[in-house]
Structures are given as structure tokens and as C-alpha cells.
Amino acid sequence: MKVFRGLPNAASRAPCALAIGNFDGVHRGHQALLARLREVASKMGLESAVMTFEPHPREFFAARAGDPSKAPTRIASLRDKLQSLTKAGVDRVIVEHFNEHFASLSPQEFVEKILVQGLHVKWLIVGEDFCYGSKRAGNVATLIEAGKQYGFHVESQPTVTSSGARISSSAVRKALAQGDFAEAEVLLGHPYAMSGHVIHGKKLGRTIGFPTLNLRVAHKHPALSGIYIVQVHGLADEALPGVASIGIRPTVDDSGRVLLETYLFDYNEQCYGRLIRVEFLKKLRDEEKYIDLPTLTEAIERDAVQARAYFKQIADSATSATDRI
């Protein structure tokens, strides 16, 4: 899959079938839209392309209004989004920088400069509630009319539901915020996880007996915050059990930087630079600020005891089920 930061150069602007959206989480609704995109692109002999945005438009407008609380939490990093789009079979992705210039484009300018001149779109699919252009003045109806004028077909993807409820990034965010990972898996089509390269930290965990694998979280408002039972993929043939904290670490750091720290049970290998995937299984508690390191250490010990008991219960249940066969 080819990835472009902004519009491709002239040599790379082959005619395409295009899907436009934020695709945060690439949930089952997105997957249905992408399947339709691949189907049509194949029939028309076109490359399948996706245009997505960084930052999320609502994040941009929240920052511009001086109210970051209005920005949506992020389900997936750009890395994980691109990985999901690769799995979906997309040929190329355009990551458009959503800034003041892009936000100020009129619907007409968006169609002419982005879709027609910039991407040579021949077929386009969007969600049924899609809006575009300055002040969200354009919608699916105006896009269909523009397509007739400029020679591309427009299709809107109807809402995909699960048990009668709409599958959306908002629904995924709600499930994650509530620690409902079973519901999140239903909406996403797979267990929820975050990936990244292991980075060096302050090594504080080692001094208190809990060495951690640290992943940088690019966004200030991830969809998760707190302490979780997890399993980590990418370091062994099987997933390794552990407990993880995602947040700003208020007891030991006042920078406000978000970090994902994972303590793996009975594991002490050097793995800096390794790409791992942390799968979330159960929320234990919210992040807290403690008065000192001994108090923090006691809390981590309690978390580890709960997590070990969780995995033991899973193992005992599996053994009991095998014995009954």
C-alpha cells in the first residue's frame, strides 16, 4: 500500500476509486465501505484509494476554538489506522493535513482542487452523513451533482448496525471508555489493541521491581485511560500476560505526556525498538496520583495480583473445559 502525506505528485495521480473519511478505528462500518470500494475499483480497473485526515477535523476545530475538551478521543494511532487499511486491501492512502487552508476550501474548491485535479477521482464512496467544504456546506446531494458535472460517480454507504444499533467510531469510543471490551470487539470485528515500538523510559519501574515496556502515545486524548489487564503480542510465539497503565503518570511526571507502560509477568528481556501490540482485556481502575513511590508501588502490586488471578482463572477454565471433552 502506498501512503501519501498530502496530495500525490503529478506522476502518481492515476485515476482512482476513492473513499473519504476519518476511519478512526476502522470498525465494521468502515470495513463494509472499504469492501465496496475494493469491489468497484476491481470492476473498473482502478486503484482503490482512501483519503483520511490528520489531525481529526473535530480536533482541529476544538483547538481553534480554544476548547480541547470538544475533540474526540482517539481510538487508533495513525500507525494502527494505516495497518488496518492495509489489511482491508486498499492500494493507496492520502493522509491530508487538516489545517486552516484545507478547512477554508469551499465545496466547489474541494471538488475541483482535491477530487478532480489532485486525485483524478472516477468513483467515490462516502458515509451517508458526509459533509465537506468550509462550514460543512457540502453534503452527499451536492457531491452527487458535482460528480455529474465533473465525470465521477458518487455512492453513499448506508449505516451498518449491530443488534439494531449504529456502528460508529463514537460507539467504539463509548465502549472503550466504559471498559466494555467485548462490545468494542463486536463493533471493531477484532479485539482492541494498540501497537508501537518499545522506547526508553526513565527506568523508574526497574527501581521498584516492576520494569515496563513503554510505548509513546502520539495523541493527548486516547480512548483509554487507566490501569488494565493486557496481553502483549510480538515478543514470543504466544501472547504474554501483564498489566498496563495508559495515562500521564501524575505521581512521577508533570509533563502531561501520555505513555503506555506495560509490566509483563516473569519477563525481563531487552526489547527496545521492538514492535509490539498491546491487547486490552479488562479495566482494573482509573489512573491515580499517589503521595509517594511506596504508595504507588503498593498499588501496582495489587494490580499485578488481580491480573495474575484473572489469567489463572482463564487457564483453570480452559483446563476444566478440556477435561470435560
Protein backbone atom coordinates (compact mmCIF):
# COMPACT_ATOMS: atom_id res chain seq x y z
CA MET A 1 0.00 0.00 0.00
CA LYS A 2 1.31 3.46 -0.93
CA VAL A 3 0.93 6.26 1.61
CA PHE A 4 0.99 9.93 0.60
CA ARG A 5 1.27 12.86 3.00
CA GLY A 6 -0.96 15.27 1.16
CA LEU A 7 -1.92 15.02 -2.50
CA PRO A 8 0.26 12.77 -4.68
CA ASN A 9 2.61 14.42 -7.15
CA ALA A 10 1.58 14.59 -10.80
CA ALA A 11 3.32 11.33 -11.69
CA SER A 12 1.38 9.43 -9.01
CA ARG A 13 -2.11 10.77 -9.79
CA ALA A 14 -3.52 7.71 -11.50
CA PRO A 15 -7.33 7.65 -11.79
CA CYS A 16 -8.83 6.04 -8.72
CA ALA A 17 -11.89 4.89 -6.84
CA LEU A 18 -11.88 6.83 -3.59
CA ALA A 19 -13.33 6.62 -0.09
CA ILE A 20 -13.20 9.67 2.19
CA GLY A 21 -13.43 9.60 5.97
CA ASN A 22 -11.64 9.79 9.31
CA PHE A 23 -11.61 6.00 9.67
CA ASP A 24 -10.75 6.18 13.37
CA GLY A 25 -10.63 2.55 14.48
CA VAL A 26 -11.58 1.17 11.04
CA HIS A 27 -14.62 -0.50 12.60
CA ARG A 28 -17.06 -2.87 10.86
CA GLY A 29 -18.96 0.02 9.27
CA HIS A 30 -15.71 1.26 7.74
CA GLN A 31 -14.85 -2.28 6.68
CA ALA A 32 -18.13 -2.62 4.78
CA LEU A 33 -17.44 0.67 2.99
CA LEU A 34 -13.90 -0.43 2.11
CA ALA A 35 -15.14 -3.78 0.81
CA ARG A 36 -17.49 -1.93 -1.54
CA LEU A 37 -14.61 0.33 -2.59
CA ARG A 38 -12.39 -2.66 -3.47
CA GLU A 39 -15.23 -4.36 -5.34
CA VAL A 40 -15.92 -1.36 -7.58
CA ALA A 41 -12.24 -0.50 -8.07
CA SER A 42 -11.59 -4.03 -9.28
CA LYS A 43 -14.53 -3.96 -11.71
CA MET A 44 -13.47 -0.58 -13.10
CA GLY A 45 -9.78 -1.42 -13.29
CA LEU A 46 -8.87 1.42 -10.91
CA GLU A 47 -6.66 1.71 -7.86
CA SER A 48 -8.59 1.82 -4.59
CA ALA A 49 -7.69 4.91 -2.57
CA VAL A 50 -8.62 6.33 0.82
CA MET A 51 -8.40 9.95 1.91
CA THR A 52 -8.16 10.44 5.65
CA PHE A 53 -7.17 13.37 7.84
CA GLU A 54 -4.55 14.28 10.41
CA PRO A 55 -5.43 15.73 12.81
CA HIS A 56 -9.05 14.67 13.12
CA PRO A 57 -11.14 17.64 11.86
CA ARG A 58 -13.03 17.89 15.15
CA GLU A 59 -9.69 18.02 16.95
CA PHE A 60 -8.59 20.88 14.71
CA PHE A 61 -11.78 22.88 15.28
CA ALA A 62 -11.68 22.23 19.04
CA ALA A 63 -8.13 23.59 19.20
CA ARG A 64 -9.09 26.59 17.06
CA ALA A 65 -11.99 27.33 19.41
CA GLY A 66 -9.69 27.05 22.43
CA ASP A 67 -11.67 24.14 23.88
CA PRO A 68 -9.69 20.87 23.57
CA SER A 69 -12.43 19.06 25.52
CA LYS A 70 -14.56 19.10 22.35
CA ALA A 71 -12.02 16.96 20.50
CA PRO A 72 -12.93 13.28 20.20
CA THR A 73 -10.72 10.76 21.94
CA ARG A 74 -8.57 8.74 19.54
CA ILE A 75 -9.28 5.07 19.04
CA ALA A 76 -6.22 4.38 16.92
CA SER A 77 -2.87 5.94 16.15
CA LEU A 78 -2.05 6.77 12.56
CA ARG A 79 0.18 3.68 12.52
CA ASP A 80 -2.67 1.40 13.57
CA LYS A 81 -5.09 3.09 11.17
CA LEU A 82 -2.74 2.55 8.24
CA GLN A 83 -2.19 -1.06 9.29
CA SER A 84 -5.96 -1.64 9.31
CA LEU A 85 -6.30 -0.03 5.86
CA THR A 86 -3.51 -2.29 4.59
CA LYS A 87 -5.41 -5.33 5.89
CA ALA A 88 -8.52 -4.02 4.13
CA GLY A 89 -6.70 -4.25 0.81
CA VAL A 90 -6.50 -0.54 -0.01
CA ASP A 91 -3.97 0.35 -2.73
CA ARG A 92 -3.10 3.84 -1.56
CA VAL A 93 -3.89 6.25 1.27
CA ILE A 94 -3.76 10.02 1.20
CA VAL A 95 -3.21 11.45 4.69
CA GLU A 96 -4.38 15.03 4.26
CA HIS A 97 -3.12 17.62 6.74
CA PHE A 98 -6.30 19.17 8.10
CA ASN A 99 -5.28 22.78 8.68
CA GLU A 100 -6.70 26.27 8.26
CA HIS A 101 -6.14 26.25 4.50
CA PHE A 102 -7.88 22.92 4.00
CA ALA A 103 -10.74 23.86 6.33
CA SER A 104 -11.35 27.07 4.38
CA LEU A 105 -11.85 25.36 1.00
CA SER A 106 -15.33 25.90 -0.39
CA PRO A 107 -17.26 22.81 -1.53
CA GLN A 108 -16.53 23.81 -5.14
CA GLU A 109 -12.81 24.20 -4.45
CA PHE A 110 -12.71 20.86 -2.63
CA VAL A 111 -14.22 19.10 -5.62
CA GLU A 112 -12.07 20.85 -8.24
CA LYS A 113 -8.71 21.07 -6.46
CA ILE A 114 -8.79 17.88 -4.39
CA LEU A 115 -11.02 15.35 -6.10
CA VAL A 116 -10.67 16.26 -9.78
CA GLN A 117 -7.25 17.87 -10.20
CA GLY A 118 -5.49 16.34 -7.21
CA LEU A 119 -6.73 12.74 -7.25
CA HIS A 120 -8.41 12.15 -10.64
CA VAL A 121 -11.37 10.51 -8.94
CA LYS A 122 -13.64 8.39 -11.17
CA TRP A 123 -15.80 6.81 -8.45
CA LEU A 124 -16.35 8.00 -4.89
CA ILE A 125 -17.90 6.49 -1.79
CA VAL A 126 -18.67 8.32 1.47
CA GLY A 127 -20.85 7.81 4.53
CA GLU A 128 -24.47 8.91 4.23
CA ASP A 129 -23.86 11.80 6.67
CA PHE A 130 -20.74 13.06 4.87
CA CYS A 131 -20.22 16.85 4.72
CA TYR A 132 -17.36 18.75 3.12
CA GLY A 133 -16.06 22.23 2.46
CA SER A 134 -15.96 25.34 4.63
CA LYS A 135 -18.67 25.35 7.33
CA ARG A 136 -19.68 21.83 6.16
CA ALA A 137 -21.64 23.48 3.36
CA GLY A 138 -21.40 20.50 1.02
CA ASN A 139 -23.24 17.21 1.52
CA VAL A 140 -23.94 13.99 -0.36
CA ALA A 141 -26.59 15.63 -2.55
CA THR A 142 -24.27 18.44 -3.69
CA LEU A 143 -21.47 15.92 -4.18
CA ILE A 144 -23.65 13.83 -6.50
CA GLU A 145 -24.39 16.91 -8.58
CA ALA A 146 -20.69 17.80 -8.71
CA GLY A 147 -19.94 14.26 -9.85
CA LYS A 148 -22.33 14.64 -12.76
CA GLN A 149 -20.57 17.85 -13.74
CA TYR A 150 -17.01 16.53 -13.48
CA GLY A 151 -17.47 12.94 -14.56
CA PHE A 152 -17.27 10.83 -11.40
CA HIS A 153 -19.92 8.65 -9.78
CA VAL A 154 -20.86 9.12 -6.11
CA GLU A 155 -22.23 6.45 -3.81
CA SER A 156 -23.16 6.80 -0.14
CA GLN A 157 -22.73 3.91 2.26
CA PRO A 158 -25.81 3.20 4.38
CA THR A 159 -25.40 2.81 8.13
CA VAL A 160 -24.14 -0.57 9.34
CA THR A 161 -25.80 -1.77 12.56
CA SER A 162 -25.17 -4.33 15.28
CA SER A 163 -28.16 -5.56 17.28
CA GLY A 164 -30.11 -2.61 15.90
CA ALA A 165 -27.55 0.00 16.99
CA ARG A 166 -25.41 2.04 14.61
CA ILE A 167 -21.78 1.00 14.35
CA SER A 168 -19.70 4.16 14.60
CA SER A 169 -16.42 5.47 15.96
CA SER A 170 -18.47 7.21 18.68
CA ALA A 171 -19.94 3.86 19.73
CA VAL A 172 -16.45 2.33 19.88
CA ARG A 173 -15.19 5.25 21.98
CA LYS A 174 -18.12 4.81 24.37
CA ALA A 175 -17.45 1.08 24.76
CA LEU A 176 -13.76 1.69 25.44
CA ALA A 177 -14.47 4.47 27.92
CA GLN A 178 -16.75 2.08 29.81
CA GLY A 179 -14.16 -0.71 29.72
CA ASP A 180 -16.55 -2.86 27.69
CA PHE A 181 -14.00 -4.66 25.54
CA ALA A 182 -16.49 -7.33 24.48
CA GLU A 183 -18.71 -4.65 22.91
CA ALA A 184 -15.68 -2.92 21.38
CA GLU A 185 -14.68 -6.22 19.76
CA VAL A 186 -18.18 -6.63 18.30
CA LEU A 187 -18.00 -3.14 16.79
CA LEU A 188 -14.42 -3.42 15.55
CA GLY A 189 -14.53 -7.02 14.39
CA HIS A 190 -11.40 -7.81 16.40
CA PRO A 191 -10.02 -7.31 19.94
CA TYR A 192 -8.94 -3.78 20.78
CA ALA A 193 -5.18 -3.21 20.85
CA MET A 194 -2.54 -0.51 20.48
CA SER A 195 0.82 -1.01 18.79
CA GLY A 196 4.16 0.75 18.71
CA HIS A 197 7.90 0.45 19.13
CA VAL A 198 9.28 -0.02 22.64
CA ILE A 199 11.08 3.15 23.75
CA HIS A 200 13.42 4.02 26.61
CA GLY A 201 11.77 5.48 29.66
CA LYS A 202 13.02 6.81 32.98
CA LYS A 203 13.75 3.23 34.13
CA LEU A 204 11.78 4.01 37.31
CA GLY A 205 9.86 0.74 37.08
CA ARG A 206 13.06 -1.25 37.45
CA THR A 207 13.93 0.51 40.70
CA ILE A 208 10.62 -0.50 42.30
CA GLY A 209 10.56 -4.05 40.94
CA PHE A 210 8.19 -3.53 38.01
CA PRO A 211 10.16 -2.99 34.76
CA THR A 212 7.88 -1.84 31.98
CA LEU A 213 7.73 -1.77 28.20
CA ASN A 214 6.99 1.80 27.19
CA LEU A 215 5.09 2.93 24.11
CA ARG A 216 4.69 6.58 23.16
CA VAL A 217 1.07 7.64 22.65
CA ALA A 218 1.00 10.31 19.97
CA HIS A 219 -2.35 11.83 20.93
CA LYS A 220 -3.16 13.67 24.13
CA HIS A 221 -6.63 12.14 24.37
CA PRO A 222 -6.56 8.38 23.68
CA ALA A 223 -9.81 6.46 24.02
CA LEU A 224 -8.42 4.64 27.06
CA SER A 225 -7.06 5.89 30.37
CA GLY A 226 -6.31 3.87 33.48
CA ILE A 227 -4.95 0.51 34.55
CA TYR A 228 -5.72 -2.63 32.51
CA ILE A 229 -5.13 -6.34 32.30
CA VAL A 230 -3.45 -6.93 28.95
CA GLN A 231 -1.60 -9.42 26.81
CA VAL A 232 1.27 -8.48 24.52
CA HIS A 233 1.89 -9.82 21.04
CA GLY A 234 5.16 -9.65 19.13
CA LEU A 235 7.72 -10.82 21.67
CA ALA A 236 7.06 -14.57 21.71
CA ASP A 237 5.13 -17.24 19.85
CA GLU A 238 2.25 -16.76 22.26
CA ALA A 239 0.78 -13.62 23.80
CA LEU A 240 2.46 -12.66 27.10
CA PRO A 241 0.26 -11.72 30.10
CA GLY A 242 0.68 -8.49 32.00
CA VAL A 243 -0.80 -5.32 33.40
CA ALA A 244 -0.62 -1.90 31.74
CA SER A 245 -1.11 1.76 32.58
CA ILE A 246 -2.06 4.35 30.00
CA GLY A 247 -2.10 7.97 31.04
CA ILE A 248 0.02 10.92 32.12
CA ARG A 249 1.63 9.26 35.20
CA PRO A 250 0.78 12.09 37.62
CA THR A 251 2.81 10.61 40.51
CA VAL A 252 6.16 10.69 38.69
CA ASP A 253 5.78 13.09 35.75
CA ASP A 254 4.28 16.54 35.31
CA SER A 255 4.91 16.90 31.56
CA GLY A 256 1.39 15.84 30.59
CA ARG A 257 2.78 13.42 28.01
CA VAL A 258 0.70 10.26 27.58
CA LEU A 259 2.55 6.96 27.86
CA LEU A 260 1.50 3.31 27.68
CA GLU A 261 3.54 1.30 30.21
CA THR A 262 3.20 -2.47 30.34
CA TYR A 263 4.57 -4.76 33.03
CA LEU A 264 4.89 -8.34 31.80
CA PHE A 265 4.89 -11.16 34.33
CA ASP A 266 8.15 -13.12 34.63
CA TYR A 267 9.70 -11.35 31.64
CA ASN A 268 12.88 -9.29 31.74
CA GLU A 269 14.30 -9.31 28.20
CA GLN A 270 15.74 -6.26 26.46
CA CYS A 271 13.38 -5.33 23.66
CA TYR A 272 13.93 -1.66 22.89
CA GLY A 273 12.93 -0.87 19.33
CA ARG A 274 10.74 -3.96 19.01
CA LEU A 275 7.27 -3.50 17.52
CA ILE A 276 4.64 -4.88 19.89
CA ARG A 277 0.86 -4.93 20.10
CA VAL A 278 -0.82 -4.49 23.48
CA GLU A 279 -4.27 -6.11 23.60
CA PHE A 280 -6.60 -4.85 26.34
CA LEU A 281 -8.66 -7.42 28.22
CA LYS A 282 -10.14 -5.81 31.34
CA LYS A 283 -10.05 -2.47 33.14
CA LEU A 284 -8.93 -2.57 36.77
CA ARG A 285 -9.18 1.07 37.82
CA ASP A 286 -8.64 4.70 36.86
CA GLU A 287 -5.26 6.38 36.98
CA GLU A 288 -4.45 7.99 40.34
CA LYS A 289 -1.86 10.34 41.82
CA TYR A 290 -0.10 8.92 44.91
CA ILE A 291 1.70 10.76 47.67
CA ASP A 292 4.97 8.85 47.24
CA LEU A 293 6.67 5.96 45.44
CA PRO A 294 5.99 3.35 48.17
CA THR A 295 2.26 4.03 47.89
CA LEU A 296 2.47 3.79 44.09
CA THR A 297 4.40 0.52 44.40
CA GLU A 298 1.74 -0.97 46.67
CA ALA A 299 -0.96 -0.06 44.13
CA ILE A 300 0.99 -1.69 41.29
CA GLU A 301 1.44 -4.82 43.42
CA ARG A 302 -2.33 -5.02 43.96
CA ASP A 303 -2.92 -4.56 40.22
CA ALA A 304 -0.47 -7.36 39.42
CA VAL A 305 -2.14 -9.71 41.92
CA GLN A 306 -5.55 -9.07 40.31
CA ALA A 307 -4.16 -9.56 36.82
CA ARG A 308 -2.42 -12.84 37.75
CA ALA A 309 -5.66 -14.08 39.31
CA TYR A 310 -7.53 -13.19 36.11
CA PHE A 311 -5.15 -15.20 33.93
CA LYS A 312 -5.20 -18.12 36.39
CA GLN A 313 -8.99 -18.20 36.25
CA ILE A 314 -8.85 -18.23 32.44
CA ALA A 315 -6.30 -21.06 32.47
CA ASP A 316 -8.30 -23.07 35.05
CA SER A 317 -11.48 -22.67 32.98
CA ALA A 318 -9.67 -23.86 29.86
CA THR A 319 -8.29 -26.89 31.71
CA SER A 320 -11.73 -27.73 33.10
CA ALA A 321 -13.29 -27.49 29.64
CA THR A 322 -10.61 -29.79 28.21
CA ASP A 323 -11.17 -32.34 30.98
CA ARG A 324 -14.89 -32.45 30.14
CA ILE A 325 -14.24 -33.34 26.50
